[in-house]
Amino acid sequence: MSPIYEYQCGKCGEVFEVFQKITDAPLKKCKFCSGGVEKLISQSSFQLKGSGWYLTDYSNKSHVGGKSETLTDKSGEKSEKSSDTSASPPKADKPTT
């Protein structure tokens, strides 16, 4: 399947699409009035799905769904950190006077 390219005529203003191979030379003439054309840059319409993409494999999942992650502190001991936001922070001790 060849990609679809959009062109716009400078003479009549018509915008049209053409199936072309990547190796094909760009069009030079409008198919409607034979005026000069310019290749347009269009927004892509494909979506990356499946594993191996940032949203599915590389995003920070520790903040999703209260999952926990294992961390290693400076002493080399492993500790578990929970990202559950419903837990309240530890209360500070009252200062002694």
N, C-alpha and C. Protein backbone atom coordinates (compact mmCIF):
# COMPACT_ATOMS: atom_id res chain seq x y z
N MET A 1 0.84 -1.17 0.00
CA MET A 1 0.00 0.00 0.00
C MET A 1 0.89 1.24 0.00
N SER A 2 0.60 2.13 -0.84
CA SER A 2 1.36 3.38 -0.96
C SER A 2 0.78 4.46 -0.06
N PRO A 3 1.64 5.36 0.43
CA PRO A 3 1.14 6.48 1.24
C PRO A 3 0.29 7.43 0.41
N ILE A 4 -0.56 8.18 1.09
CA ILE A 4 -1.39 9.19 0.44
C ILE A 4 -0.74 10.55 0.67
N TYR A 5 -0.55 11.31 -0.40
CA TYR A 5 0.01 12.66 -0.30
C TYR A 5 -1.03 13.67 -0.74
N GLU A 6 -1.02 14.83 -0.08
CA GLU A 6 -1.94 15.91 -0.44
C GLU A 6 -1.18 16.99 -1.18
N TYR A 7 -1.83 17.55 -2.17
CA TYR A 7 -1.27 18.65 -2.96
C TYR A 7 -2.30 19.77 -3.02
N GLN A 8 -1.81 21.00 -3.16
CA GLN A 8 -2.69 22.15 -3.35
C GLN A 8 -2.20 22.92 -4.56
N CYS A 9 -3.15 23.25 -5.41
CA CYS A 9 -2.84 23.99 -6.62
C CYS A 9 -2.70 25.48 -6.29
N GLY A 10 -1.67 26.11 -6.82
CA GLY A 10 -1.46 27.54 -6.62
C GLY A 10 -2.34 28.38 -7.52
N LYS A 11 -2.86 27.79 -8.59
CA LYS A 11 -3.68 28.52 -9.54
C LYS A 11 -5.16 28.48 -9.19
N CYS A 12 -5.72 27.27 -9.04
CA CYS A 12 -7.16 27.14 -8.77
C CYS A 12 -7.47 26.92 -7.29
N GLY A 13 -6.45 26.63 -6.48
CA GLY A 13 -6.64 26.43 -5.05
C GLY A 13 -7.18 25.07 -4.65
N GLU A 14 -7.39 24.21 -5.62
CA GLU A 14 -7.93 22.87 -5.35
C GLU A 14 -6.94 22.05 -4.53
N VAL A 15 -7.44 21.33 -3.52
CA VAL A 15 -6.63 20.40 -2.73
C VAL A 15 -7.05 18.99 -3.11
N PHE A 16 -6.07 18.14 -3.41
CA PHE A 16 -6.39 16.77 -3.80
C PHE A 16 -5.35 15.80 -3.25
N GLU A 17 -5.74 14.52 -3.18
CA GLU A 17 -4.89 13.47 -2.65
C GLU A 17 -4.44 12.55 -3.77
N VAL A 18 -3.23 12.01 -3.61
CA VAL A 18 -2.67 11.10 -4.61
C VAL A 18 -1.95 9.97 -3.87
N PHE A 19 -2.20 8.72 -4.29
CA PHE A 19 -1.43 7.58 -3.79
C PHE A 19 -0.11 7.56 -4.55
N GLN A 20 1.01 7.63 -3.83
CA GLN A 20 2.32 7.60 -4.46
C GLN A 20 3.28 6.77 -3.61
N LYS A 21 4.24 6.15 -4.26
CA LYS A 21 5.32 5.49 -3.53
C LYS A 21 6.23 6.59 -2.97
N ILE A 22 6.95 6.25 -1.93
CA ILE A 22 7.88 7.21 -1.34
C ILE A 22 8.95 7.61 -2.35
N THR A 23 9.30 6.70 -3.23
CA THR A 23 10.35 6.95 -4.21
C THR A 23 9.86 7.73 -5.44
N ASP A 24 8.53 7.89 -5.59
CA ASP A 24 7.99 8.64 -6.73
C ASP A 24 8.33 10.13 -6.61
N ALA A 25 8.54 10.76 -7.74
CA ALA A 25 8.80 12.20 -7.76
C ALA A 25 7.51 12.95 -7.41
N PRO A 26 7.60 14.07 -6.68
CA PRO A 26 6.40 14.85 -6.36
C PRO A 26 5.74 15.38 -7.63
N LEU A 27 4.42 15.54 -7.58
CA LEU A 27 3.70 16.09 -8.72
C LEU A 27 4.09 17.56 -8.92
N LYS A 28 4.00 18.01 -10.16
CA LYS A 28 4.31 19.40 -10.48
C LYS A 28 3.11 20.15 -11.04
N LYS A 29 2.12 19.39 -11.56
CA LYS A 29 0.96 20.03 -12.19
C LYS A 29 -0.34 19.55 -11.55
N CYS A 30 -1.30 20.47 -11.46
CA CYS A 30 -2.63 20.18 -10.94
C CYS A 30 -3.37 19.27 -11.92
N LYS A 31 -4.08 18.29 -11.39
CA LYS A 31 -4.83 17.39 -12.26
C LYS A 31 -6.12 18.02 -12.77
N PHE A 32 -6.50 19.20 -12.23
CA PHE A 32 -7.72 19.87 -12.65
C PHE A 32 -7.46 20.98 -13.68
N CYS A 33 -6.41 21.80 -13.44
CA CYS A 33 -6.20 22.96 -14.32
C CYS A 33 -4.78 23.06 -14.86
N SER A 34 -3.92 22.11 -14.54
CA SER A 34 -2.51 22.07 -14.96
C SER A 34 -1.67 23.20 -14.36
N GLY A 35 -2.16 23.85 -13.31
CA GLY A 35 -1.37 24.86 -12.60
C GLY A 35 -0.32 24.18 -11.73
N GLY A 36 0.60 24.98 -11.20
CA GLY A 36 1.65 24.44 -10.33
C GLY A 36 1.08 24.03 -8.97
N VAL A 37 1.58 22.90 -8.43
CA VAL A 37 1.09 22.40 -7.14
C VAL A 37 2.20 22.38 -6.09
N GLU A 38 1.77 22.39 -4.86
CA GLU A 38 2.68 22.31 -3.72
C GLU A 38 2.24 21.15 -2.85
N LYS A 39 3.21 20.31 -2.43
CA LYS A 39 2.89 19.18 -1.56
C LYS A 39 2.61 19.72 -0.16
N LEU A 40 1.52 19.25 0.44
CA LEU A 40 1.14 19.69 1.78
C LEU A 40 1.64 18.70 2.83
N ILE A 41 1.89 19.20 4.01
CA ILE A 41 2.24 18.33 5.14
C ILE A 41 0.98 18.16 5.95
N SER A 42 0.52 16.92 6.04
CA SER A 42 -0.74 16.63 6.72
C SER A 42 -0.48 15.95 8.05
N GLN A 43 -1.47 16.04 8.95
CA GLN A 43 -1.38 15.37 10.23
C GLN A 43 -1.53 13.87 10.02
N SER A 44 -0.70 13.12 10.68
CA SER A 44 -0.74 11.67 10.57
C SER A 44 -2.00 11.12 11.22
N SER A 45 -2.53 10.04 10.68
CA SER A 45 -3.76 9.47 11.23
C SER A 45 -3.54 8.09 11.84
N PHE A 46 -2.29 7.67 12.04
CA PHE A 46 -2.10 6.35 12.63
C PHE A 46 -1.88 6.47 14.13
N GLN A 47 -2.16 5.38 14.85
CA GLN A 47 -2.01 5.35 16.29
C GLN A 47 -1.19 4.13 16.64
N LEU A 48 -0.20 4.32 17.51
CA LEU A 48 0.66 3.22 17.93
C LEU A 48 -0.05 2.44 19.03
N LYS A 49 -0.25 1.13 18.80
CA LYS A 49 -0.94 0.30 19.78
C LYS A 49 -0.08 -0.91 20.11
N GLY A 50 -0.38 -1.53 21.24
CA GLY A 50 0.34 -2.72 21.64
C GLY A 50 1.45 -2.41 22.61
N SER A 51 2.23 -3.41 22.96
CA SER A 51 3.30 -3.21 23.93
C SER A 51 4.53 -2.63 23.24
N GLY A 52 5.39 -2.03 24.05
CA GLY A 52 6.64 -1.49 23.53
C GLY A 52 6.61 0.00 23.30
N TRP A 53 5.48 0.65 23.54
CA TRP A 53 5.38 2.09 23.35
C TRP A 53 5.34 2.77 24.70
N TYR A 54 5.66 4.03 24.74
CA TYR A 54 5.79 4.77 26.00
C TYR A 54 4.59 4.62 26.91
N LEU A 55 3.39 4.79 26.40
CA LEU A 55 2.21 4.76 27.26
C LEU A 55 1.95 3.39 27.87
N THR A 56 2.38 2.32 27.21
CA THR A 56 2.09 0.99 27.73
C THR A 56 3.23 0.40 28.54
N ASP A 57 4.47 0.75 28.25
CA ASP A 57 5.58 0.09 28.92
C ASP A 57 6.53 1.01 29.68
N TYR A 58 6.65 2.28 29.30
CA TYR A 58 7.69 3.10 29.86
C TYR A 58 7.21 4.24 30.74
N SER A 59 5.91 4.45 30.82
CA SER A 59 5.42 5.54 31.66
C SER A 59 5.56 5.14 33.12
N ASN A 60 5.50 6.11 34.02
CA ASN A 60 5.66 5.86 35.44
C ASN A 60 4.39 5.22 35.98
N LYS A 61 4.41 3.92 36.16
CA LYS A 61 3.23 3.20 36.61
C LYS A 61 3.08 3.22 38.12
N SER A 62 4.06 3.75 38.85
CA SER A 62 3.97 3.73 40.31
C SER A 62 2.87 4.64 40.81
N HIS A 63 2.36 5.55 39.97
CA HIS A 63 1.30 6.46 40.38
C HIS A 63 -0.07 6.01 39.92
N VAL A 64 -0.15 4.83 39.34
CA VAL A 64 -1.42 4.37 38.79
C VAL A 64 -1.98 3.26 39.67
N GLY A 65 -3.19 3.42 40.13
CA GLY A 65 -3.91 2.35 40.81
C GLY A 65 -3.38 1.94 42.16
N GLY A 66 -2.57 2.75 42.82
CA GLY A 66 -2.09 2.42 44.14
C GLY A 66 -1.09 1.28 44.15
N LYS A 67 -0.45 0.99 43.05
CA LYS A 67 0.55 -0.07 42.99
C LYS A 67 1.77 0.36 43.78
N SER A 68 2.54 -0.59 44.24
CA SER A 68 3.73 -0.24 44.99
C SER A 68 4.96 -0.61 44.18
N GLU A 69 6.04 0.03 44.51
CA GLU A 69 7.29 -0.28 43.83
C GLU A 69 8.34 -0.53 44.89
N THR A 70 9.33 -1.34 44.56
CA THR A 70 10.38 -1.64 45.50
C THR A 70 11.52 -0.67 45.27
N LEU A 71 11.96 -0.06 46.36
CA LEU A 71 13.05 0.90 46.29
C LEU A 71 14.23 0.38 47.08
N THR A 72 15.42 0.80 46.72
CA THR A 72 16.60 0.44 47.47
C THR A 72 17.16 1.71 48.08
N ASP A 73 17.32 1.72 49.41
CA ASP A 73 17.86 2.92 50.05
C ASP A 73 19.38 2.90 50.01
N LYS A 74 20.03 3.89 50.60
CA LYS A 74 21.48 4.03 50.53
C LYS A 74 22.21 2.87 51.18
N SER A 75 21.60 2.23 52.17
CA SER A 75 22.26 1.12 52.86
C SER A 75 22.14 -0.19 52.08
N GLY A 76 21.39 -0.18 50.99
CA GLY A 76 21.23 -1.37 50.18
C GLY A 76 20.02 -2.20 50.57
N GLU A 77 19.29 -1.77 51.61
CA GLU A 77 18.11 -2.50 52.03
C GLU A 77 16.92 -2.11 51.16
N LYS A 78 16.11 -3.09 50.85
CA LYS A 78 14.94 -2.82 50.03
C LYS A 78 13.78 -2.40 50.92
N SER A 79 13.02 -1.45 50.43
CA SER A 79 11.81 -1.03 51.13
C SER A 79 10.71 -0.91 50.10
N GLU A 80 9.47 -0.99 50.57
CA GLU A 80 8.35 -0.89 49.64
C GLU A 80 7.69 0.46 49.80
N LYS A 81 7.48 1.13 48.68
CA LYS A 81 6.85 2.44 48.67
C LYS A 81 5.48 2.29 48.03
N SER A 82 4.46 2.74 48.70
CA SER A 82 3.12 2.67 48.14
C SER A 82 2.74 4.03 47.60
N SER A 83 2.09 4.04 46.46
CA SER A 83 1.67 5.31 45.87
C SER A 83 0.19 5.56 46.10
N ASP A 84 -0.41 4.83 47.03
CA ASP A 84 -1.82 5.03 47.33
C ASP A 84 -2.00 6.39 47.98
N THR A 85 -2.73 7.27 47.32
CA THR A 85 -2.87 8.64 47.78
C THR A 85 -3.91 8.77 48.88
N SER A 86 -4.65 7.70 49.22
CA SER A 86 -5.68 7.80 50.24
C SER A 86 -5.08 7.78 51.64
N ALA A 87 -3.85 7.30 51.79
CA ALA A 87 -3.21 7.26 53.10
C ALA A 87 -2.76 8.66 53.49
N SER A 88 -2.94 8.98 54.76
CA SER A 88 -2.52 10.31 55.21
C SER A 88 -1.04 10.28 55.56
N PRO A 89 -0.36 11.42 55.46
CA PRO A 89 1.05 11.47 55.78
C PRO A 89 1.26 11.25 57.27
N PRO A 90 2.43 10.74 57.67
CA PRO A 90 2.68 10.52 59.09
C PRO A 90 2.63 11.84 59.85
N LYS A 91 2.07 11.76 61.08
CA LYS A 91 1.97 12.97 61.89
C LYS A 91 3.30 13.23 62.58
N ALA A 92 3.64 14.50 62.65
CA ALA A 92 4.88 14.90 63.31
C ALA A 92 4.66 14.92 64.82
N ASP A 93 5.71 14.56 65.57
CA ASP A 93 5.63 14.63 67.03
C ASP A 93 5.56 16.08 67.47
N LYS A 94 4.88 16.30 68.60
CA LYS A 94 4.80 17.65 69.12
C LYS A 94 6.17 18.05 69.65
N PRO A 95 6.59 19.27 69.34
CA PRO A 95 7.89 19.70 69.84
C PRO A 95 7.85 19.85 71.36
N THR A 96 8.94 19.46 71.98
CA THR A 96 9.03 19.61 73.44
C THR A 96 9.58 20.98 73.77
N THR A 97 9.08 21.55 74.84
CA THR A 97 9.53 22.89 75.23
C THR A 97 10.38 22.87 76.45
